[in-house]
Structure formats: structure tokens, C-alpha cells
Amino acid sequence: EFAMAKLLIAAAFMAIVAAAYAGDCCTGVDRKTVLRQWESVWTAQYDSNKADIAKEIFAKFFVKQPGAKSLFARVKVDNPESAEFSAHAIRILNGLDISLNLLTDPQTLNEQLAHLSAQHVARISGGFEPRYFDEFQGPLLETLNEVTSGFDEHAWEACYGKIATGLKVKF
């Protein structure tokens, strides 16, 4: 009887922990919120702002992760106003756009993230570290909070966290 009671307590504890973690997973409500807020800053009507938003995110990222800056030397990171760096920053945010829009299609999202993950594995020799995916969250959310009304940090943390986890799948 004592062993059975211990087993039931352990099972109950695991259920509570699982429920707590489930609350941090990008829920349907989180996805809708994130997509609505993302669309408000990344739609075609804001094309002229895309480069500015992308460069601002990267400026904040490089302040927090100065070692990552050298990874972008070929796209003229030292001249953030250059067309090369602007185009690259937009390409990265367009990759995020695709991933955000695939949050409602988990299988396709997983394939997309695995593809991007494999591309970044090839950059390890150049100094890329998978933790950069996690470290990008702060500058991203900070910038989006500045340009989005009613910014929902919890929803973004949950959904970007899901994407960052997928981006590290090949490491």
C-alpha cells in the first residue's frame, strides 16, 4: 500500500509539472495574439519600416552579443545602413515571419525549423553558437514592444521559445 501511495503521489506531481509546462507552450490564443501583433508591424503596408525594425533588433542583439557581430561581416554589419546589411536583416526577419505563420501547422513548422537549424550547424566553424537563437529573443521582444500596441510578452515568449527550440534541433 505504501508503495502504491508513493506511486500515486509521484504521478500527481508529474501531472502538475506537465500542466505547468503546458501553460508556457505557445497556445492557440498565444498564436493568434502573436500573429495579429506581428502582422501589425510586418505587413506590406509597412515595407519601408521593415529594414528599420530589423536593423534595430540586430543593433540591440549586437549590444548584448558583440561576439556574434563577426558572423555578419560578409553582409557589411559594420555599416548597418548598407543595402547588404539591410537586405540580410530583412531576410532573417522574413524567415521568422514564415516560422510564425507556420505555428498553426506544426509538421511544416518542424520541417522549416529543421532546415534552418541545419543551415546554422554549417556555421559553427565560423563562430555561430546555438544559444544565439535564445539570445535573439530579448532584442526581438524589446523592439516589438516599442512598435506594437498592447504587446503580449508572455505570448511572444512562449511562441518564440517554441521556434528557438526548433532552430536548435540539429545541434
Foldseek 3Di string as FASTA:
>chain_A
DVVVVVVVVVVVVVVVVVVVVVVLAQDPVLLVQVLVLCCVQPPPVNVVCLLVLLLQLVVVLCVVVVVCQQVCVVQPSVPSVDPSNSVVSSVVVVLVVVLSVCPVPVVVNLVSLLVLLVVVVVCVVVPDDLCSLVSSLVSNLVSSPVVGPPRDSSSSSNSSVVSSVSNNVVD
